[in-house]
Amino acid sequence: MAACLVALLSTGFHDMVFTPLEHPLRAVKWVAPLVWCFAAFCFQSVMLHQATLLYVLNHSTVDDVLVDVGHDILGNKVVPMKVLDMISFSAMSCFFFGCALIRDLRLWVKVFMCCGFLFFWKGLLDYITDLPDSGGWHTCEKRLGPSGVHYFEGFRDLHGSAYWSRLMDMEFHGVDGTWPVRYCSDMILSGHTFVMFLFLLGCADLTRKLRLLMPGVPMRVAEILVNVAVICCVCTDLYLIVVNHFHYTVDVVLAIVMTLLFYTNAGIAILTDWWVEKWEDTDDVRYTEDNGSIWLPPLLLPCCAFQGFYTVRRKDRKDVREAFKVNLPQEVLEFVPEDRTYSDSSEFEEEEHSEKSREEEEESCYSP
């Protein structure tokens, strides 16, 4: 195990330095997901500051907080933001170095694609629905500071280029030397939760693959410890955020659910497979016949009984039609046109031929 780690570290430095020179396409495939994730985070920041603006202008005179069962049960305790940031940063760091060390490009692309989509949807959802901050207006006012509140109030009656100029100036330069500017009313989806949980899922996924590659007691113990760490971190994160009234309970629970749905989504798996294999030779070791793979983690309730790795494959229209036809009662089949019932339909074959032609044309356009 130690010798394997030393070999990975020694070759890792070589790959980091020489991959951009020897395989620029491969380097782009590693960097592009990071660029997408950063761009989505910037979009989220702009949208959350606009959500904060709406909250300052609409709720600054009313200290309204929604009723939350989690707040009532756990009470209210002060938790430093640095603790929550440290948990999320630790999870991200473990995945970043572990995945880069193993050179698992598919997992790298998948996790950062999911993270970018979650950033995007959090920013959009928080902007289109102006919810009262879970800590109340006084907490928001303290978080922004007098200068921050005054700056947001200065947006009143601004429109067009003047509005966007003031907003972008805040995004790039902050307010009175404070950068970045904090948010208020960024309730829907807890960013700390989905960032931490997503990268911990990536770590658990990577550990499970390593155990399949190197079976034995040490790796089995490592897998159990990682799974326990994921559960403990999620529970700790939920408790700290709710007891601090940093979010409503539903924001944390929804972040966990959304992360699981994105991570196990077939569309994400297909997009990942497309990006990893695009412009690669069909005889490359990274090229596969399927359209992606999905890992169902044990935490995916109520589907935890089906945990494991699954392959995603594209089905042609003929297979879909035949499978659907088998499930139809005979009384319904009598009303189905005959040329759609049998596989030798000329119209169907023409559609299949045209679809294959389009796919071949797309492949020729993207070929180097």
Protein backbone atom coordinates (compact mmCIF):
# COMPACT_ATOMS: atom_id res chain seq x y z
CA MET A 1 0.00 0.00 0.00
CA ALA A 2 2.80 2.41 0.93
CA ALA A 3 4.75 1.58 -2.22
CA CYS A 4 1.65 2.19 -4.33
CA LEU A 5 1.16 5.60 -2.71
CA VAL A 6 4.78 6.57 -3.35
CA ALA A 7 4.44 5.55 -7.00
CA LEU A 8 1.28 7.61 -7.38
CA LEU A 9 2.92 10.69 -5.87
CA SER A 10 6.02 10.39 -8.02
CA THR A 11 4.12 9.96 -11.28
CA GLY A 12 1.52 12.54 -10.28
CA PHE A 13 4.02 15.38 -10.38
CA HIS A 14 5.24 14.24 -13.80
CA ASP A 15 1.69 14.11 -15.19
CA MET A 16 0.84 17.52 -13.76
CA VAL A 17 3.80 19.13 -15.49
CA PHE A 18 3.94 17.29 -18.80
CA THR A 19 0.30 16.44 -19.58
CA PRO A 20 -0.48 19.98 -20.89
CA LEU A 21 2.51 19.65 -23.23
CA GLU A 22 2.17 16.03 -24.32
CA HIS A 23 -1.64 15.70 -24.25
CA PRO A 24 -3.21 19.18 -24.44
CA LEU A 25 -6.67 17.71 -25.16
CA ARG A 26 -6.49 15.64 -21.98
CA ALA A 27 -5.45 18.72 -20.01
CA VAL A 28 -8.45 20.63 -21.38
CA LYS A 29 -10.77 17.84 -20.25
CA TRP A 30 -9.42 18.15 -16.71
CA VAL A 31 -9.53 21.95 -16.58
CA ALA A 32 -12.86 22.61 -18.34
CA PRO A 33 -15.07 21.18 -15.52
CA LEU A 34 -13.30 23.50 -13.07
CA VAL A 35 -13.96 26.45 -15.38
CA TRP A 36 -17.65 25.48 -15.64
CA CYS A 37 -17.93 25.14 -11.87
CA PHE A 38 -16.28 28.53 -11.30
CA ALA A 39 -18.51 30.20 -13.90
CA ALA A 40 -21.61 28.69 -12.24
CA PHE A 41 -20.38 29.91 -8.85
CA CYS A 42 -19.96 33.44 -10.22
CA PHE A 43 -23.50 33.28 -11.64
CA GLN A 44 -24.73 32.12 -8.24
CA SER A 45 -22.96 35.01 -6.52
CA VAL A 46 -24.58 37.59 -8.79
CA MET A 47 -28.04 36.06 -8.32
CA LEU A 48 -27.66 35.77 -4.54
CA HIS A 49 -26.63 39.41 -4.26
CA GLN A 50 -29.77 40.32 -6.20
CA ALA A 51 -31.79 38.14 -3.81
CA THR A 52 -30.12 40.00 -0.94
CA LEU A 53 -31.08 43.28 -2.59
CA LEU A 54 -34.74 42.22 -2.77
CA TYR A 55 -34.67 41.20 0.87
CA VAL A 56 -33.10 44.49 2.00
CA LEU A 57 -35.61 46.55 0.06
CA ASN A 58 -38.69 44.50 0.95
CA HIS A 59 -38.06 43.19 4.47
CA SER A 60 -35.84 45.77 6.16
CA THR A 61 -38.80 47.12 8.13
CA VAL A 62 -40.26 43.76 9.17
CA ASP A 63 -38.43 41.08 11.17
CA ASP A 64 -40.37 38.16 9.68
CA VAL A 65 -39.05 34.61 9.97
CA LEU A 66 -40.87 31.50 8.77
CA VAL A 67 -41.92 28.89 11.31
CA ASP A 68 -39.36 26.05 11.36
CA VAL A 69 -39.71 22.85 13.39
CA GLY A 70 -35.93 22.29 13.38
CA HIS A 71 -35.34 25.72 14.89
CA ASP A 72 -37.95 25.06 17.57
CA ILE A 73 -36.46 21.68 18.53
CA LEU A 74 -32.75 22.58 18.50
CA GLY A 75 -33.02 26.15 19.73
CA ASN A 76 -30.48 28.79 18.77
CA LYS A 77 -26.73 28.67 19.34
CA VAL A 78 -23.94 30.70 17.79
CA VAL A 79 -21.70 28.66 15.46
CA PRO A 80 -18.73 30.43 13.82
CA MET A 81 -18.95 30.47 10.04
CA LYS A 82 -15.33 29.31 9.91
CA VAL A 83 -16.43 25.91 11.27
CA LEU A 84 -18.93 25.40 8.45
CA ASP A 85 -16.43 26.64 5.86
CA MET A 86 -13.77 24.30 7.23
CA ILE A 87 -16.03 21.24 6.90
CA SER A 88 -16.90 22.03 3.26
CA PHE A 89 -13.29 22.90 2.37
CA SER A 90 -11.97 19.69 3.96
CA ALA A 91 -14.37 17.54 1.93
CA MET A 92 -13.45 19.38 -1.27
CA SER A 93 -9.71 19.05 -0.57
CA CYS A 94 -9.92 15.31 0.12
CA PHE A 95 -11.71 14.71 -3.16
CA PHE A 96 -9.51 17.09 -5.14
CA PHE A 97 -6.23 15.45 -4.16
CA GLY A 98 -7.57 11.90 -4.04
CA CYS A 99 -9.19 12.01 -7.48
CA ALA A 100 -6.23 13.82 -9.04
CA LEU A 101 -3.84 11.32 -7.48
CA ILE A 102 -5.75 8.34 -8.92
CA ARG A 103 -6.36 10.21 -12.22
CA ASP A 104 -10.04 9.29 -12.33
CA LEU A 105 -11.13 11.74 -15.03
CA ARG A 106 -14.72 10.44 -15.20
CA LEU A 107 -15.33 10.97 -11.51
CA TRP A 108 -13.61 14.37 -11.66
CA VAL A 109 -15.85 15.55 -14.51
CA LYS A 110 -18.99 14.13 -12.92
CA VAL A 111 -18.50 15.78 -9.52
CA PHE A 112 -17.57 19.22 -10.83
CA MET A 113 -20.39 19.11 -13.39
CA CYS A 114 -22.84 18.34 -10.58
CA CYS A 115 -21.36 21.10 -8.44
CA GLY A 116 -21.76 23.63 -11.25
CA PHE A 117 -25.39 22.67 -11.82
CA LEU A 118 -26.15 22.95 -8.10
CA PHE A 119 -24.52 26.40 -7.97
CA PHE A 120 -26.59 27.47 -10.97
CA TRP A 121 -29.91 26.27 -9.58
CA LYS A 122 -29.28 27.65 -6.10
CA GLY A 123 -28.64 31.12 -7.51
CA LEU A 124 -31.67 31.00 -9.78
CA LEU A 125 -34.10 29.58 -7.19
CA ASP A 126 -33.04 32.02 -4.48
CA TYR A 127 -33.54 34.94 -6.84
CA ILE A 128 -36.96 34.04 -8.21
CA THR A 129 -38.42 33.40 -4.73
CA ASP A 130 -37.72 36.05 -2.08
CA LEU A 131 -37.86 34.18 1.24
CA PRO A 132 -37.27 35.86 4.62
CA ASP A 133 -33.81 35.19 6.02
CA SER A 134 -33.87 32.36 8.57
CA GLY A 135 -32.00 34.53 11.05
CA GLY A 136 -34.30 37.51 10.68
CA TRP A 137 -33.62 41.05 9.53
CA HIS A 138 -31.44 41.93 12.54
CA THR A 139 -29.08 39.04 11.75
CA CYS A 140 -28.93 40.10 8.10
CA GLU A 141 -28.24 43.69 9.08
CA LYS A 142 -25.38 42.58 11.33
CA ARG A 143 -24.01 40.30 8.60
CA LEU A 144 -23.93 43.04 5.97
CA GLY A 145 -22.90 45.84 8.29
CA PRO A 146 -24.12 49.45 8.08
CA SER A 147 -22.12 50.15 4.92
CA GLY A 148 -23.46 47.02 3.22
CA VAL A 149 -27.08 47.83 4.03
CA HIS A 150 -26.59 51.41 2.85
CA TYR A 151 -25.00 50.16 -0.40
CA PHE A 152 -27.93 47.84 -1.15
CA GLU A 153 -30.43 50.56 -0.35
CA GLY A 154 -28.67 52.69 -2.96
CA PHE A 155 -30.04 50.37 -5.65
CA ARG A 156 -33.52 51.74 -5.09
CA ASP A 157 -34.82 53.46 -8.24
CA LEU A 158 -31.77 52.33 -10.26
CA HIS A 159 -32.41 50.69 -13.64
CA GLY A 160 -30.54 49.57 -16.74
CA SER A 161 -26.82 50.24 -17.04
CA ALA A 162 -26.67 52.18 -13.74
CA TYR A 163 -28.06 49.14 -11.88
CA TRP A 164 -25.67 46.65 -13.45
CA SER A 165 -22.68 48.97 -13.11
CA ARG A 166 -23.28 49.30 -9.38
CA LEU A 167 -23.84 45.54 -9.00
CA MET A 168 -20.68 44.58 -10.90
CA ASP A 169 -18.65 47.12 -8.95
CA MET A 170 -19.76 45.37 -5.76
CA GLU A 171 -18.97 41.95 -7.22
CA PHE A 172 -15.41 42.88 -8.18
CA HIS A 173 -14.45 45.43 -5.51
CA GLY A 174 -16.77 44.82 -2.56
CA VAL A 175 -18.12 47.54 -0.26
CA ASP A 176 -15.84 49.82 1.77
CA GLY A 177 -12.92 47.40 1.53
CA THR A 178 -15.01 44.35 2.43
CA TRP A 179 -14.86 41.63 -0.23
CA PRO A 180 -16.66 39.40 -0.91
CA VAL A 181 -19.96 40.88 0.25
CA ARG A 182 -22.06 38.46 2.30
CA TYR A 183 -25.56 37.30 1.34
CA CYS A 184 -28.96 37.43 3.01
CA SER A 185 -32.09 35.47 2.14
CA ASP A 186 -30.06 32.85 0.22
CA MET A 187 -32.29 30.16 1.67
CA ILE A 188 -33.27 27.59 -0.94
CA LEU A 189 -30.55 24.90 -0.95
CA SER A 190 -27.79 25.13 1.62
CA GLY A 191 -24.57 25.74 -0.30
CA HIS A 192 -22.39 24.48 2.56
CA THR A 193 -24.39 21.25 2.66
CA PHE A 194 -24.41 20.35 -1.03
CA VAL A 195 -20.73 21.24 -1.52
CA MET A 196 -19.67 19.14 1.46
CA PHE A 197 -22.00 16.23 0.65
CA LEU A 198 -21.18 16.17 -3.07
CA PHE A 199 -17.44 15.95 -2.57
CA LEU A 200 -17.84 13.40 0.22
CA LEU A 201 -19.92 11.29 -2.17
CA GLY A 202 -17.06 11.55 -4.65
CA CYS A 203 -14.63 10.36 -1.97
CA ALA A 204 -16.89 7.43 -1.09
CA ASP A 205 -17.30 6.55 -4.77
CA LEU A 206 -13.53 6.62 -5.28
CA THR A 207 -12.91 4.51 -2.17
CA ARG A 208 -15.42 1.89 -3.32
CA LYS A 209 -13.72 1.63 -6.71
CA LEU A 210 -10.31 1.25 -5.05
CA ARG A 211 -11.66 -1.55 -2.86
CA LEU A 212 -12.89 -3.38 -5.95
CA LEU A 213 -9.45 -2.92 -7.48
CA MET A 214 -7.55 -3.95 -4.35
CA PRO A 215 -9.76 -6.34 -2.33
CA GLY A 216 -8.75 -7.09 1.21
CA VAL A 217 -9.40 -6.22 4.83
CA PRO A 218 -7.57 -2.84 4.84
CA MET A 219 -9.58 -1.43 1.92
CA ARG A 220 -12.81 -2.87 3.33
CA VAL A 221 -12.12 -1.08 6.62
CA ALA A 222 -11.25 2.10 4.71
CA GLU A 223 -14.57 1.94 2.84
CA ILE A 224 -16.53 1.51 6.06
CA LEU A 225 -14.68 4.39 7.70
CA VAL A 226 -15.34 6.68 4.73
CA ASN A 227 -19.06 5.82 4.73
CA VAL A 228 -19.26 6.47 8.48
CA ALA A 229 -17.42 9.77 7.99
CA VAL A 230 -19.91 10.81 5.30
CA ILE A 231 -22.88 10.11 7.59
CA CYS A 232 -21.26 11.88 10.55
CA CYS A 233 -20.34 14.94 8.49
CA VAL A 234 -23.83 15.22 7.01
CA CYS A 235 -25.49 14.95 10.43
CA THR A 236 -23.02 17.43 11.95
CA ASP A 237 -23.52 19.88 9.11
CA LEU A 238 -27.30 19.65 9.40
CA TYR A 239 -27.17 20.24 13.17
CA LEU A 240 -24.73 23.17 13.05
CA ILE A 241 -26.56 24.98 10.26
CA VAL A 242 -30.02 24.55 11.76
CA VAL A 243 -29.00 25.33 15.36
CA ASN A 244 -27.24 28.47 14.11
CA HIS A 245 -30.40 29.46 12.19
CA PHE A 246 -28.17 29.95 9.16
CA HIS A 247 -30.77 28.13 7.05
CA TYR A 248 -34.20 26.68 7.44
CA THR A 249 -34.24 22.91 8.00
CA VAL A 250 -35.84 22.35 4.60
CA ASP A 251 -32.89 24.07 2.90
CA VAL A 252 -30.44 21.53 4.31
CA VAL A 253 -32.65 18.50 3.65
CA LEU A 254 -33.41 19.71 0.12
CA ALA A 255 -29.69 20.21 -0.53
CA ILE A 256 -29.03 16.58 0.45
CA VAL A 257 -31.85 15.29 -1.75
CA MET A 258 -30.86 17.44 -4.75
CA THR A 259 -27.22 16.34 -4.44
CA LEU A 260 -28.21 12.67 -4.49
CA LEU A 261 -30.54 13.20 -7.45
CA PHE A 262 -27.88 15.00 -9.48
CA TYR A 263 -25.14 12.53 -8.54
CA THR A 264 -27.23 9.51 -9.59
CA ASN A 265 -28.76 11.22 -12.63
CA ALA A 266 -28.48 9.37 -15.94
CA GLY A 267 -28.19 12.64 -17.85
CA ILE A 268 -25.12 13.66 -15.82
CA ALA A 269 -23.58 10.22 -16.43
CA ILE A 270 -24.17 10.52 -20.20
CA LEU A 271 -22.77 14.05 -20.28
CA THR A 272 -19.69 12.91 -18.36
CA ASP A 273 -19.12 9.95 -20.67
CA TRP A 274 -19.51 12.19 -23.73
CA TRP A 275 -16.98 14.72 -22.46
CA VAL A 276 -14.40 12.10 -21.43
CA GLU A 277 -14.58 10.16 -24.70
CA LYS A 278 -15.14 13.01 -27.16
CA TRP A 279 -12.34 13.38 -29.74
CA GLU A 280 -10.69 10.20 -28.41
CA ASP A 281 -9.79 7.25 -30.62
CA THR A 282 -12.13 4.29 -30.28
CA ASP A 283 -9.14 2.08 -29.36
CA ASP A 284 -8.23 4.35 -26.44
CA VAL A 285 -8.41 2.69 -23.01
CA ARG A 286 -10.87 5.37 -21.87
CA TYR A 287 -13.34 4.58 -24.63
CA THR A 288 -16.29 2.39 -23.59
CA GLU A 289 -19.21 0.91 -25.46
CA ASP A 290 -21.80 2.16 -22.98
CA ASN A 291 -23.03 5.72 -22.48
CA GLY A 292 -21.94 6.12 -18.88
CA SER A 293 -22.15 4.52 -15.46
CA ILE A 294 -24.03 5.38 -12.28
CA TRP A 295 -23.23 4.57 -8.67
CA LEU A 296 -26.19 4.26 -6.33
CA PRO A 297 -24.81 4.99 -2.83
CA PRO A 298 -26.20 3.39 0.34
CA LEU A 299 -27.61 6.78 1.37
CA LEU A 300 -30.01 6.87 -1.59
CA LEU A 301 -33.19 6.16 0.35
CA PRO A 302 -35.44 4.32 -0.36
CA CYS A 303 -33.36 2.75 -3.14
CA CYS A 304 -30.44 1.79 -0.86
CA ALA A 305 -31.25 -1.91 -1.39
CA PHE A 306 -30.14 -1.48 -5.02
CA GLN A 307 -26.79 0.14 -4.22
CA GLY A 308 -23.98 -0.58 -6.65
CA PHE A 309 -22.71 0.40 -10.09
CA TYR A 310 -25.00 0.43 -13.14
CA THR A 311 -24.38 0.95 -16.82
CA VAL A 312 -26.30 3.43 -18.94
CA ARG A 313 -26.98 2.37 -22.53
CA ARG A 314 -28.89 4.11 -25.28
CA LYS A 315 -31.77 2.06 -26.71
CA ASP A 316 -32.84 2.42 -30.30
CA ARG A 317 -36.45 3.06 -31.23
CA LYS A 318 -37.07 -0.50 -32.27
CA ASP A 319 -36.21 -1.87 -28.81
CA VAL A 320 -38.28 0.80 -27.07
CA ARG A 321 -41.27 0.12 -29.32
CA GLU A 322 -41.09 -3.65 -28.91
CA ALA A 323 -40.75 -3.42 -25.11
CA PHE A 324 -43.71 -1.05 -24.93
CA LYS A 325 -45.79 -3.22 -27.25
CA VAL A 326 -45.30 -6.31 -25.07
CA ASN A 327 -46.91 -4.52 -22.10
CA LEU A 328 -49.99 -3.44 -24.04
CA PRO A 329 -53.18 -5.53 -23.74
CA GLN A 330 -54.39 -7.23 -26.90
CA GLU A 331 -57.48 -5.01 -27.01
CA VAL A 332 -55.25 -1.94 -27.37
CA LEU A 333 -52.95 -3.56 -29.93
CA GLU A 334 -55.93 -3.95 -32.25
CA PHE A 335 -56.06 -0.15 -32.61
CA VAL A 336 -52.30 0.20 -33.29
CA PRO A 337 -51.55 0.70 -37.00
CA GLU A 338 -50.04 -2.42 -38.47
CA ASP A 339 -46.99 -0.65 -39.89
CA ARG A 340 -46.14 0.46 -36.31
CA THR A 341 -46.67 -2.98 -34.81
CA TYR A 342 -44.09 -4.98 -36.71
CA SER A 343 -40.35 -4.44 -36.83
CA ASP A 344 -40.19 -4.55 -40.67
CA SER A 345 -41.99 -1.23 -41.01
CA SER A 346 -40.40 0.73 -43.84
CA GLU A 347 -41.27 4.03 -42.21
CA PHE A 348 -39.53 2.94 -39.03
CA GLU A 349 -36.44 1.83 -40.97
CA GLU A 350 -36.32 5.19 -42.72
CA GLU A 351 -36.42 7.00 -39.36
CA GLU A 352 -33.66 4.77 -38.03
CA HIS A 353 -31.54 5.39 -41.13
CA SER A 354 -31.99 9.16 -40.91
CA GLU A 355 -31.13 9.14 -37.20
CA LYS A 356 -27.94 7.16 -37.81
CA SER A 357 -27.01 9.52 -40.63
CA ARG A 358 -27.36 12.52 -38.33
CA GLU A 359 -25.18 10.83 -35.70
CA GLU A 360 -22.49 10.06 -38.30
CA GLU A 361 -22.55 13.66 -39.52
CA GLU A 362 -22.10 14.92 -35.97
CA GLU A 363 -19.21 12.56 -35.40
CA SER A 364 -17.49 13.74 -38.60
CA CYS A 365 -17.93 17.38 -37.55
CA TYR A 366 -16.24 16.80 -34.21
CA SER A 367 -13.48 14.52 -35.44
CA PRO A 368 -10.00 16.14 -35.30
